[in-house]
Amino acid sequence: GTLLGQQITPLDRVGIYVPGGKAAYPSS
């Protein structure tokens, strides 16, 4: 009767770094 498992949760907040200026990387 012992319950075992795994709970999946998302991260609360993330940051993404994107090169800018003359470089254009919308795909990134």
mmCIF file of all heavy atoms, coordinates in Angstrom:
data_MODEL
# 
_entry.id   MODEL 
# 
loop_
_atom_site.group_PDB 
_atom_site.id 
_atom_site.type_symbol 
_atom_site.label_atom_id 
_atom_site.label_alt_id 
_atom_site.label_comp_id 
_atom_site.label_asym_id 
_atom_site.label_entity_id 
_atom_site.label_seq_id 
_atom_site.pdbx_PDB_ins_code 
_atom_site.Cartn_x 
_atom_site.Cartn_y 
_atom_site.Cartn_z 
_atom_site.occupancy 
_atom_site.B_iso_or_equiv 
_atom_site.pdbx_formal_charge 
_atom_site.auth_seq_id 
_atom_site.auth_comp_id 
_atom_site.auth_asym_id 
_atom_site.auth_atom_id 
_atom_site.pdbx_PDB_model_num 
ATOM 1   N N   . GLY A 1 1  ? 0.778  -1.225 0.000   1.00 0.00 ? 1  GLY A N   1 
ATOM 2   C CA  . GLY A 1 1  ? 0.000  0.000  0.000   1.00 0.00 ? 1  GLY A CA  1 
ATOM 3   C C   . GLY A 1 1  ? 0.811  1.277  0.000   1.00 0.00 ? 1  GLY A C   1 
ATOM 4   O O   . GLY A 1 1  ? 0.254  2.381  0.072   1.00 0.00 ? 1  GLY A O   1 
ATOM 5   N N   . THR A 1 2  ? 2.123  1.177  -0.059  1.00 0.00 ? 2  THR A N   1 
ATOM 6   C CA  . THR A 1 2  ? 2.966  2.370  -0.124  1.00 0.00 ? 2  THR A CA  1 
ATOM 7   C C   . THR A 1 2  ? 2.857  2.993  -1.513  1.00 0.00 ? 2  THR A C   1 
ATOM 8   O O   . THR A 1 2  ? 2.967  2.300  -2.522  1.00 0.00 ? 2  THR A O   1 
ATOM 9   C CB  . THR A 1 2  ? 4.438  2.013  0.179   1.00 0.00 ? 2  THR A CB  1 
ATOM 10  O OG1 . THR A 1 2  ? 4.527  1.617  1.554   1.00 0.00 ? 2  THR A OG1 1 
ATOM 11  C CG2 . THR A 1 2  ? 5.358  3.197  -0.068  1.00 0.00 ? 2  THR A CG2 1 
ATOM 12  N N   . LEU A 1 3  ? 2.635  4.298  -1.538  1.00 0.00 ? 3  LEU A N   1 
ATOM 13  C CA  . LEU A 1 3  ? 2.514  5.021  -2.808  1.00 0.00 ? 3  LEU A CA  1 
ATOM 14  C C   . LEU A 1 3  ? 3.847  5.669  -3.151  1.00 0.00 ? 3  LEU A C   1 
ATOM 15  O O   . LEU A 1 3  ? 4.462  6.351  -2.317  1.00 0.00 ? 3  LEU A O   1 
ATOM 16  C CB  . LEU A 1 3  ? 1.426  6.093  -2.699  1.00 0.00 ? 3  LEU A CB  1 
ATOM 17  C CG  . LEU A 1 3  ? 1.166  6.934  -3.951  1.00 0.00 ? 3  LEU A CG  1 
ATOM 18  C CD1 . LEU A 1 3  ? -0.323 7.260  -4.084  1.00 0.00 ? 3  LEU A CD1 1 
ATOM 19  C CD2 . LEU A 1 3  ? 1.967  8.251  -3.928  1.00 0.00 ? 3  LEU A CD2 1 
ATOM 20  N N   . LEU A 1 4  ? 4.264  5.443  -4.371  1.00 0.00 ? 4  LEU A N   1 
ATOM 21  C CA  . LEU A 1 4  ? 5.500  6.046  -4.878  1.00 0.00 ? 4  LEU A CA  1 
ATOM 22  C C   . LEU A 1 4  ? 5.213  6.687  -6.230  1.00 0.00 ? 4  LEU A C   1 
ATOM 23  O O   . LEU A 1 4  ? 4.315  6.258  -6.946  1.00 0.00 ? 4  LEU A O   1 
ATOM 24  C CB  . LEU A 1 4  ? 6.600  4.988  -5.034  1.00 0.00 ? 4  LEU A CB  1 
ATOM 25  C CG  . LEU A 1 4  ? 6.990  4.218  -3.780  1.00 0.00 ? 4  LEU A CG  1 
ATOM 26  C CD1 . LEU A 1 4  ? 7.916  3.067  -4.129  1.00 0.00 ? 4  LEU A CD1 1 
ATOM 27  C CD2 . LEU A 1 4  ? 7.650  5.146  -2.763  1.00 0.00 ? 4  LEU A CD2 1 
ATOM 28  N N   . GLY A 1 5  ? 5.966  7.709  -6.560  1.00 0.00 ? 5  GLY A N   1 
ATOM 29  C CA  . GLY A 1 5  ? 5.729  8.333  -7.853  1.00 0.00 ? 5  GLY A CA  1 
ATOM 30  C C   . GLY A 1 5  ? 6.609  9.528  -8.106  1.00 0.00 ? 5  GLY A C   1 
ATOM 31  O O   . GLY A 1 5  ? 7.633  9.736  -7.444  1.00 0.00 ? 5  GLY A O   1 
ATOM 32  N N   . GLN A 1 6  ? 6.184  10.306 -9.061  1.00 0.00 ? 6  GLN A N   1 
ATOM 33  C CA  . GLN A 1 6  ? 6.957  11.471 -9.490  1.00 0.00 ? 6  GLN A CA  1 
ATOM 34  C C   . GLN A 1 6  ? 5.981  12.579 -9.877  1.00 0.00 ? 6  GLN A C   1 
ATOM 35  O O   . GLN A 1 6  ? 5.043  12.336 -10.640 1.00 0.00 ? 6  GLN A O   1 
ATOM 36  C CB  . GLN A 1 6  ? 7.828  11.091 -10.690 1.00 0.00 ? 6  GLN A CB  1 
ATOM 37  C CG  . GLN A 1 6  ? 8.797  12.144 -11.145 1.00 0.00 ? 6  GLN A CG  1 
ATOM 38  C CD  . GLN A 1 6  ? 9.782  11.583 -12.146 1.00 0.00 ? 6  GLN A CD  1 
ATOM 39  O OE1 . GLN A 1 6  ? 10.889 11.181 -11.804 1.00 0.00 ? 6  GLN A OE1 1 
ATOM 40  N NE2 . GLN A 1 6  ? 9.380  11.544 -13.399 1.00 0.00 ? 6  GLN A NE2 1 
ATOM 41  N N   . GLN A 1 7  ? 6.188  13.755 -9.318  1.00 0.00 ? 7  GLN A N   1 
ATOM 42  C CA  . GLN A 1 7  ? 5.342  14.904 -9.639  1.00 0.00 ? 7  GLN A CA  1 
ATOM 43  C C   . GLN A 1 7  ? 6.108  15.852 -10.539 1.00 0.00 ? 7  GLN A C   1 
ATOM 44  O O   . GLN A 1 7  ? 7.228  16.245 -10.214 1.00 0.00 ? 7  GLN A O   1 
ATOM 45  C CB  . GLN A 1 7  ? 4.921  15.609 -8.351  1.00 0.00 ? 7  GLN A CB  1 
ATOM 46  C CG  . GLN A 1 7  ? 4.024  16.825 -8.576  1.00 0.00 ? 7  GLN A CG  1 
ATOM 47  C CD  . GLN A 1 7  ? 3.429  17.322 -7.271  1.00 0.00 ? 7  GLN A CD  1 
ATOM 48  O OE1 . GLN A 1 7  ? 2.512  16.698 -6.727  1.00 0.00 ? 7  GLN A OE1 1 
ATOM 49  N NE2 . GLN A 1 7  ? 3.940  18.422 -6.764  1.00 0.00 ? 7  GLN A NE2 1 
ATOM 50  N N   . ILE A 1 8  ? 5.509  16.205 -11.663 1.00 0.00 ? 8  ILE A N   1 
ATOM 51  C CA  . ILE A 1 8  ? 6.142  17.079 -12.644 1.00 0.00 ? 8  ILE A CA  1 
ATOM 52  C C   . ILE A 1 8  ? 5.554  18.480 -12.516 1.00 0.00 ? 8  ILE A C   1 
ATOM 53  O O   . ILE A 1 8  ? 4.336  18.655 -12.533 1.00 0.00 ? 8  ILE A O   1 
ATOM 54  C CB  . ILE A 1 8  ? 5.918  16.560 -14.082 1.00 0.00 ? 8  ILE A CB  1 
ATOM 55  C CG1 . ILE A 1 8  ? 6.383  15.095 -14.209 1.00 0.00 ? 8  ILE A CG1 1 
ATOM 56  C CG2 . ILE A 1 8  ? 6.628  17.457 -15.094 1.00 0.00 ? 8  ILE A CG2 1 
ATOM 57  C CD1 . ILE A 1 8  ? 7.849  14.883 -13.974 1.00 0.00 ? 8  ILE A CD1 1 
ATOM 58  N N   . THR A 1 9  ? 6.426  19.466 -12.396 1.00 0.00 ? 9  THR A N   1 
ATOM 59  C CA  . THR A 1 9  ? 5.978  20.859 -12.332 1.00 0.00 ? 9  THR A CA  1 
ATOM 60  C C   . THR A 1 9  ? 6.868  21.718 -13.232 1.00 0.00 ? 9  THR A C   1 
ATOM 61  O O   . THR A 1 9  ? 8.049  21.419 -13.415 1.00 0.00 ? 9  THR A O   1 
ATOM 62  C CB  . THR A 1 9  ? 6.051  21.406 -10.896 1.00 0.00 ? 9  THR A CB  1 
ATOM 63  O OG1 . THR A 1 9  ? 7.384  21.209 -10.382 1.00 0.00 ? 9  THR A OG1 1 
ATOM 64  C CG2 . THR A 1 9  ? 5.065  20.706 -9.985  1.00 0.00 ? 9  THR A CG2 1 
ATOM 65  N N   . PRO A 1 10 ? 6.308  22.780 -13.809 1.00 0.00 ? 10 PRO A N   1 
ATOM 66  C CA  . PRO A 1 10 ? 7.130  23.669 -14.640 1.00 0.00 ? 10 PRO A CA  1 
ATOM 67  C C   . PRO A 1 10 ? 7.953  24.617 -13.783 1.00 0.00 ? 10 PRO A C   1 
ATOM 68  O O   . PRO A 1 10 ? 7.643  24.852 -12.603 1.00 0.00 ? 10 PRO A O   1 
ATOM 69  C CB  . PRO A 1 10 ? 6.081  24.451 -15.446 1.00 0.00 ? 10 PRO A CB  1 
ATOM 70  C CG  . PRO A 1 10 ? 4.887  24.497 -14.546 1.00 0.00 ? 10 PRO A CG  1 
ATOM 71  C CD  . PRO A 1 10 ? 4.892  23.185 -13.799 1.00 0.00 ? 10 PRO A CD  1 
ATOM 72  N N   . LEU A 1 11 ? 9.005  25.159 -14.353 1.00 0.00 ? 11 LEU A N   1 
ATOM 73  C CA  . LEU A 1 11 ? 9.718  26.241 -13.702 1.00 0.00 ? 11 LEU A CA  1 
ATOM 74  C C   . LEU A 1 11 ? 8.786  27.448 -13.621 1.00 0.00 ? 11 LEU A C   1 
ATOM 75  O O   . LEU A 1 11 ? 7.877  27.611 -14.437 1.00 0.00 ? 11 LEU A O   1 
ATOM 76  C CB  . LEU A 1 11 ? 10.978 26.608 -14.490 1.00 0.00 ? 11 LEU A CB  1 
ATOM 77  C CG  . LEU A 1 11 ? 11.983 25.475 -14.783 1.00 0.00 ? 11 LEU A CG  1 
ATOM 78  C CD1 . LEU A 1 11 ? 13.219 26.051 -15.460 1.00 0.00 ? 11 LEU A CD1 1 
ATOM 79  C CD2 . LEU A 1 11 ? 12.356 24.728 -13.528 1.00 0.00 ? 11 LEU A CD2 1 
ATOM 80  N N   . ASP A 1 12 ? 9.000  28.301 -12.612 1.00 0.00 ? 12 ASP A N   1 
ATOM 81  C CA  . ASP A 1 12 ? 8.145  29.481 -12.462 1.00 0.00 ? 12 ASP A CA  1 
ATOM 82  C C   . ASP A 1 12 ? 8.465  30.551 -13.500 1.00 0.00 ? 12 ASP A C   1 
ATOM 83  O O   . ASP A 1 12 ? 7.577  31.145 -14.097 1.00 0.00 ? 12 ASP A O   1 
ATOM 84  C CB  . ASP A 1 12 ? 8.308  30.088 -11.064 1.00 0.00 ? 12 ASP A CB  1 
ATOM 85  C CG  . ASP A 1 12 ? 7.691  29.226 -9.983  1.00 0.00 ? 12 ASP A CG  1 
ATOM 86  O OD1 . ASP A 1 12 ? 6.800  28.411 -10.303 1.00 0.00 ? 12 ASP A OD1 1 
ATOM 87  O OD2 . ASP A 1 12 ? 8.095  29.360 -8.806  1.00 0.00 ? 12 ASP A OD2 1 
ATOM 88  N N   . ARG A 1 13 ? 9.761  30.793 -13.698 1.00 0.00 ? 13 ARG A N   1 
ATOM 89  C CA  . ARG A 1 13 ? 10.159 31.922 -14.550 1.00 0.00 ? 13 ARG A CA  1 
ATOM 90  C C   . ARG A 1 13 ? 11.487 31.605 -15.208 1.00 0.00 ? 13 ARG A C   1 
ATOM 91  O O   . ARG A 1 13 ? 12.415 31.117 -14.556 1.00 0.00 ? 13 ARG A O   1 
ATOM 92  C CB  . ARG A 1 13 ? 10.295 33.188 -13.701 1.00 0.00 ? 13 ARG A CB  1 
ATOM 93  C CG  . ARG A 1 13 ? 10.656 34.444 -14.482 1.00 0.00 ? 13 ARG A CG  1 
ATOM 94  C CD  . ARG A 1 13 ? 10.958 35.610 -13.539 1.00 0.00 ? 13 ARG A CD  1 
ATOM 95  N NE  . ARG A 1 13 ? 9.772  36.014 -12.789 1.00 0.00 ? 13 ARG A NE  1 
ATOM 96  C CZ  . ARG A 1 13 ? 9.719  36.077 -11.459 1.00 0.00 ? 13 ARG A CZ  1 
ATOM 97  N NH1 . ARG A 1 13 ? 10.777 35.746 -10.737 1.00 0.00 ? 13 ARG A NH1 1 
ATOM 98  N NH2 . ARG A 1 13 ? 8.616  36.465 -10.846 1.00 0.00 ? 13 ARG A NH2 1 
ATOM 99  N N   . VAL A 1 14 ? 11.618 31.865 -16.511 1.00 0.00 ? 14 VAL A N   1 
ATOM 100 C CA  . VAL A 1 14 ? 12.871 31.627 -17.214 1.00 0.00 ? 14 VAL A CA  1 
ATOM 101 C C   . VAL A 1 14 ? 13.286 32.875 -17.979 1.00 0.00 ? 14 VAL A C   1 
ATOM 102 O O   . VAL A 1 14 ? 12.454 33.735 -18.303 1.00 0.00 ? 14 VAL A O   1 
ATOM 103 C CB  . VAL A 1 14 ? 12.773 30.428 -18.189 1.00 0.00 ? 14 VAL A CB  1 
ATOM 104 C CG1 . VAL A 1 14 ? 12.408 29.160 -17.443 1.00 0.00 ? 14 VAL A CG1 1 
ATOM 105 C CG2 . VAL A 1 14 ? 11.789 30.704 -19.305 1.00 0.00 ? 14 VAL A CG2 1 
ATOM 106 N N   . GLY A 1 15 ? 14.572 32.959 -18.243 1.00 0.00 ? 15 GLY A N   1 
ATOM 107 C CA  . GLY A 1 15 ? 15.106 34.050 -19.052 1.00 0.00 ? 15 GLY A CA  1 
ATOM 108 C C   . GLY A 1 15 ? 15.732 33.493 -20.311 1.00 0.00 ? 15 GLY A C   1 
ATOM 109 O O   . GLY A 1 15 ? 16.428 32.469 -20.265 1.00 0.00 ? 15 GLY A O   1 
ATOM 110 N N   . ILE A 1 16 ? 15.487 34.147 -21.439 1.00 0.00 ? 16 ILE A N   1 
ATOM 111 C CA  . ILE A 1 16 ? 16.128 33.718 -22.681 1.00 0.00 ? 16 ILE A CA  1 
ATOM 112 C C   . ILE A 1 16 ? 16.971 34.864 -23.226 1.00 0.00 ? 16 ILE A C   1 
ATOM 113 O O   . ILE A 1 16 ? 16.536 36.018 -23.260 1.00 0.00 ? 16 ILE A O   1 
ATOM 114 C CB  . ILE A 1 16 ? 15.113 33.224 -23.735 1.00 0.00 ? 16 ILE A CB  1 
ATOM 115 C CG1 . ILE A 1 16 ? 14.143 34.320 -24.159 1.00 0.00 ? 16 ILE A CG1 1 
ATOM 116 C CG2 . ILE A 1 16 ? 14.339 32.035 -23.201 1.00 0.00 ? 16 ILE A CG2 1 
ATOM 117 C CD1 . ILE A 1 16 ? 13.245 33.907 -25.316 1.00 0.00 ? 16 ILE A CD1 1 
ATOM 118 N N   . TYR A 1 17 ? 18.194 34.531 -23.606 1.00 0.00 ? 17 TYR A N   1 
ATOM 119 C CA  . TYR A 1 17 ? 19.121 35.509 -24.169 1.00 0.00 ? 17 TYR A CA  1 
ATOM 120 C C   . TYR A 1 17 ? 19.079 35.378 -25.684 1.00 0.00 ? 17 TYR A C   1 
ATOM 121 O O   . TYR A 1 17 ? 19.201 34.276 -26.227 1.00 0.00 ? 17 TYR A O   1 
ATOM 122 C CB  . TYR A 1 17 ? 20.546 35.264 -23.668 1.00 0.00 ? 17 TYR A CB  1 
ATOM 123 C CG  . TYR A 1 17 ? 21.486 36.379 -24.055 1.00 0.00 ? 17 TYR A CG  1 
ATOM 124 C CD1 . TYR A 1 17 ? 21.810 37.380 -23.154 1.00 0.00 ? 17 TYR A CD1 1 
ATOM 125 C CD2 . TYR A 1 17 ? 22.025 36.459 -25.339 1.00 0.00 ? 17 TYR A CD2 1 
ATOM 126 C CE1 . TYR A 1 17 ? 22.649 38.424 -23.507 1.00 0.00 ? 17 TYR A CE1 1 
ATOM 127 C CE2 . TYR A 1 17 ? 22.854 37.496 -25.712 1.00 0.00 ? 17 TYR A CE2 1 
ATOM 128 C CZ  . TYR A 1 17 ? 23.165 38.474 -24.791 1.00 0.00 ? 17 TYR A CZ  1 
ATOM 129 O OH  . TYR A 1 17 ? 23.991 39.517 -25.162 1.00 0.00 ? 17 TYR A OH  1 
ATOM 130 N N   . VAL A 1 18 ? 18.922 36.525 -26.348 1.00 0.00 ? 18 VAL A N   1 
ATOM 131 C CA  . VAL A 1 18 ? 18.851 36.544 -27.812 1.00 0.00 ? 18 VAL A CA  1 
ATOM 132 C C   . VAL A 1 18 ? 19.833 37.582 -28.340 1.00 0.00 ? 18 VAL A C   1 
ATOM 133 O O   . VAL A 1 18 ? 19.817 38.732 -27.892 1.00 0.00 ? 18 VAL A O   1 
ATOM 134 C CB  . VAL A 1 18 ? 17.428 36.897 -28.291 1.00 0.00 ? 18 VAL A CB  1 
ATOM 135 C CG1 . VAL A 1 18 ? 17.377 36.959 -29.812 1.00 0.00 ? 18 VAL A CG1 1 
ATOM 136 C CG2 . VAL A 1 18 ? 16.415 35.888 -27.759 1.00 0.00 ? 18 VAL A CG2 1 
ATOM 137 N N   . PRO A 1 19 ? 20.725 37.214 -29.258 1.00 0.00 ? 19 PRO A N   1 
ATOM 138 C CA  . PRO A 1 19 ? 21.620 38.214 -29.858 1.00 0.00 ? 19 PRO A CA  1 
ATOM 139 C C   . PRO A 1 19 ? 20.809 39.307 -30.544 1.00 0.00 ? 19 PRO A C   1 
ATOM 140 O O   . PRO A 1 19 ? 19.710 39.052 -31.055 1.00 0.00 ? 19 PRO A O   1 
ATOM 141 C CB  . PRO A 1 19 ? 22.426 37.397 -30.878 1.00 0.00 ? 19 PRO A CB  1 
ATOM 142 C CG  . PRO A 1 19 ? 22.328 35.986 -30.394 1.00 0.00 ? 19 PRO A CG  1 
ATOM 143 C CD  . PRO A 1 19 ? 20.969 35.868 -29.776 1.00 0.00 ? 19 PRO A CD  1 
ATOM 144 N N   . GLY A 1 20 ? 21.345 40.524 -30.564 1.00 0.00 ? 20 GLY A N   1 
ATOM 145 C CA  . GLY A 1 20 ? 20.592 41.638 -31.152 1.00 0.00 ? 20 GLY A CA  1 
ATOM 146 C C   . GLY A 1 20 ? 21.428 42.459 -32.104 1.00 0.00 ? 20 GLY A C   1 
ATOM 147 O O   . GLY A 1 20 ? 22.471 42.020 -32.592 1.00 0.00 ? 20 GLY A O   1 
ATOM 148 N N   . GLY A 1 21 ? 20.990 43.677 -32.341 1.00 0.00 ? 21 GLY A N   1 
ATOM 149 C CA  . GLY A 1 21 ? 21.693 44.555 -33.273 1.00 0.00 ? 21 GLY A CA  1 
ATOM 150 C C   . GLY A 1 21 ? 21.488 44.112 -34.701 1.00 0.00 ? 21 GLY A C   1 
ATOM 151 O O   . GLY A 1 21 ? 20.381 43.764 -35.110 1.00 0.00 ? 21 GLY A O   1 
ATOM 152 N N   . LYS A 1 22 ? 22.563 44.104 -35.487 1.00 0.00 ? 22 LYS A N   1 
ATOM 153 C CA  . LYS A 1 22 ? 22.457 43.713 -36.889 1.00 0.00 ? 22 LYS A CA  1 
ATOM 154 C C   . LYS A 1 22 ? 22.084 42.248 -37.049 1.00 0.00 ? 22 LYS A C   1 
ATOM 155 O O   . LYS A 1 22 ? 21.485 41.859 -38.049 1.00 0.00 ? 22 LYS A O   1 
ATOM 156 C CB  . LYS A 1 22 ? 23.780 44.008 -37.604 1.00 0.00 ? 22 LYS A CB  1 
ATOM 157 C CG  . LYS A 1 22 ? 24.100 45.498 -37.733 1.00 0.00 ? 22 LYS A CG  1 
ATOM 158 C CD  . LYS A 1 22 ? 25.404 45.717 -38.481 1.00 0.00 ? 22 LYS A CD  1 
ATOM 159 C CE  . LYS A 1 22 ? 25.708 47.201 -38.615 1.00 0.00 ? 22 LYS A CE  1 
ATOM 160 N NZ  . LYS A 1 22 ? 26.980 47.448 -39.324 1.00 0.00 ? 22 LYS A NZ  1 
ATOM 161 N N   . ALA A 1 23 ? 22.458 41.421 -36.062 1.00 0.00 ? 23 ALA A N   1 
ATOM 162 C CA  . ALA A 1 23 ? 22.108 40.010 -36.117 1.00 0.00 ? 23 ALA A CA  1 
ATOM 163 C C   . ALA A 1 23 ? 20.610 39.855 -35.883 1.00 0.00 ? 23 ALA A C   1 
ATOM 164 O O   . ALA A 1 23 ? 20.040 40.508 -35.017 1.00 0.00 ? 23 ALA A O   1 
ATOM 165 C CB  . ALA A 1 23 ? 22.884 39.232 -35.056 1.00 0.00 ? 23 ALA A CB  1 
ATOM 166 N N   . ALA A 1 24 ? 19.971 39.022 -36.676 1.00 0.00 ? 24 ALA A N   1 
ATOM 167 C CA  . ALA A 1 24 ? 18.545 38.772 -36.521 1.00 0.00 ? 24 ALA A CA  1 
ATOM 168 C C   . ALA A 1 24 ? 18.320 37.278 -36.400 1.00 0.00 ? 24 ALA A C   1 
ATOM 169 O O   . ALA A 1 24 ? 18.476 36.547 -37.376 1.00 0.00 ? 24 ALA A O   1 
ATOM 170 C CB  . ALA A 1 24 ? 17.771 39.337 -37.714 1.00 0.00 ? 24 ALA A CB  1 
ATOM 171 N N   . TYR A 1 25 ? 17.973 36.817 -35.205 1.00 0.00 ? 25 TYR A N   1 
ATOM 172 C CA  . TYR A 1 25 ? 17.780 35.393 -34.991 1.00 0.00 ? 25 TYR A CA  1 
ATOM 173 C C   . TYR A 1 25 ? 16.395 35.126 -34.399 1.00 0.00 ? 25 TYR A C   1 
ATOM 174 O O   . TYR A 1 25 ? 16.273 34.681 -33.252 1.00 0.00 ? 25 TYR A O   1 
ATOM 175 C CB  . TYR A 1 25 ? 18.867 34.831 -34.072 1.00 0.00 ? 25 TYR A CB  1 
ATOM 176 C CG  . TYR A 1 25 ? 20.250 34.906 -34.656 1.00 0.00 ? 25 TYR A CG  1 
ATOM 177 C CD1 . TYR A 1 25 ? 21.223 35.715 -34.083 1.00 0.00 ? 25 TYR A CD1 1 
ATOM 178 C CD2 . TYR A 1 25 ? 20.584 34.172 -35.792 1.00 0.00 ? 25 TYR A CD2 1 
ATOM 179 C CE1 . TYR A 1 25 ? 22.499 35.793 -34.628 1.00 0.00 ? 25 TYR A CE1 1 
ATOM 180 C CE2 . TYR A 1 25 ? 21.864 34.248 -36.345 1.00 0.00 ? 25 TYR A CE2 1 
ATOM 181 C CZ  . TYR A 1 25 ? 22.811 35.054 -35.749 1.00 0.00 ? 25 TYR A CZ  1 
ATOM 182 O OH  . TYR A 1 25 ? 24.068 35.134 -36.284 1.00 0.00 ? 25 TYR A OH  1 
ATOM 183 N N   . PRO A 1 26 ? 15.342 35.393 -35.175 1.00 0.00 ? 26 PRO A N   1 
ATOM 184 C CA  . PRO A 1 26 ? 14.001 35.083 -34.671 1.00 0.00 ? 26 PRO A CA  1 
ATOM 185 C C   . PRO A 1 26 ? 13.830 33.601 -34.370 1.00 0.00 ? 26 PRO A C   1 
ATOM 186 O O   . PRO A 1 26 ? 13.073 33.222 -33.477 1.00 0.00 ? 26 PRO A O   1 
ATOM 187 C CB  . PRO A 1 26 ? 13.084 35.538 -35.806 1.00 0.00 ? 26 PRO A CB  1 
ATOM 188 C CG  . PRO A 1 26 ? 13.942 35.515 -37.037 1.00 0.00 ? 26 PRO A CG  1 
ATOM 189 C CD  . PRO A 1 26 ? 15.307 35.926 -36.553 1.00 0.00 ? 26 PRO A CD  1 
ATOM 190 N N   . SER A 1 27 ? 14.536 32.756 -35.111 1.00 0.00 ? 27 SER A N   1 
ATOM 191 C CA  . SER A 1 27 ? 14.437 31.315 -34.866 1.00 0.00 ? 27 SER A CA  1 
ATOM 192 C C   . SER A 1 27 ? 14.923 30.971 -33.460 1.00 0.00 ? 27 SER A C   1 
ATOM 193 O O   . SER A 1 27 ? 14.382 30.071 -32.806 1.00 0.00 ? 27 SER A O   1 
ATOM 194 C CB  . SER A 1 27 ? 15.237 30.536 -35.911 1.00 0.00 ? 27 SER A CB  1 
ATOM 195 O OG  . SER A 1 27 ? 16.601 30.925 -35.887 1.00 0.00 ? 27 SER A OG  1 
ATOM 196 N N   . SER A 1 28 ? 15.941 31.686 -32.985 1.00 0.00 ? 28 SER A N   1 
ATOM 197 C CA  . SER A 1 28 ? 16.455 31.439 -31.643 1.00 0.00 ? 28 SER A CA  1 
ATOM 198 C C   . SER A 1 28 ? 15.419 31.786 -30.586 1.00 0.00 ? 28 SER A C   1 
ATOM 199 O O   . SER A 1 28 ? 15.292 31.100 -29.564 1.00 0.00 ? 28 SER A O   1 
ATOM 200 C CB  . SER A 1 28 ? 17.735 32.256 -31.414 1.00 0.00 ? 28 SER A CB  1 
ATOM 201 O OG  . SER A 1 28 ? 18.291 31.973 -30.151 1.00 0.00 ? 28 SER A OG  1 
# 
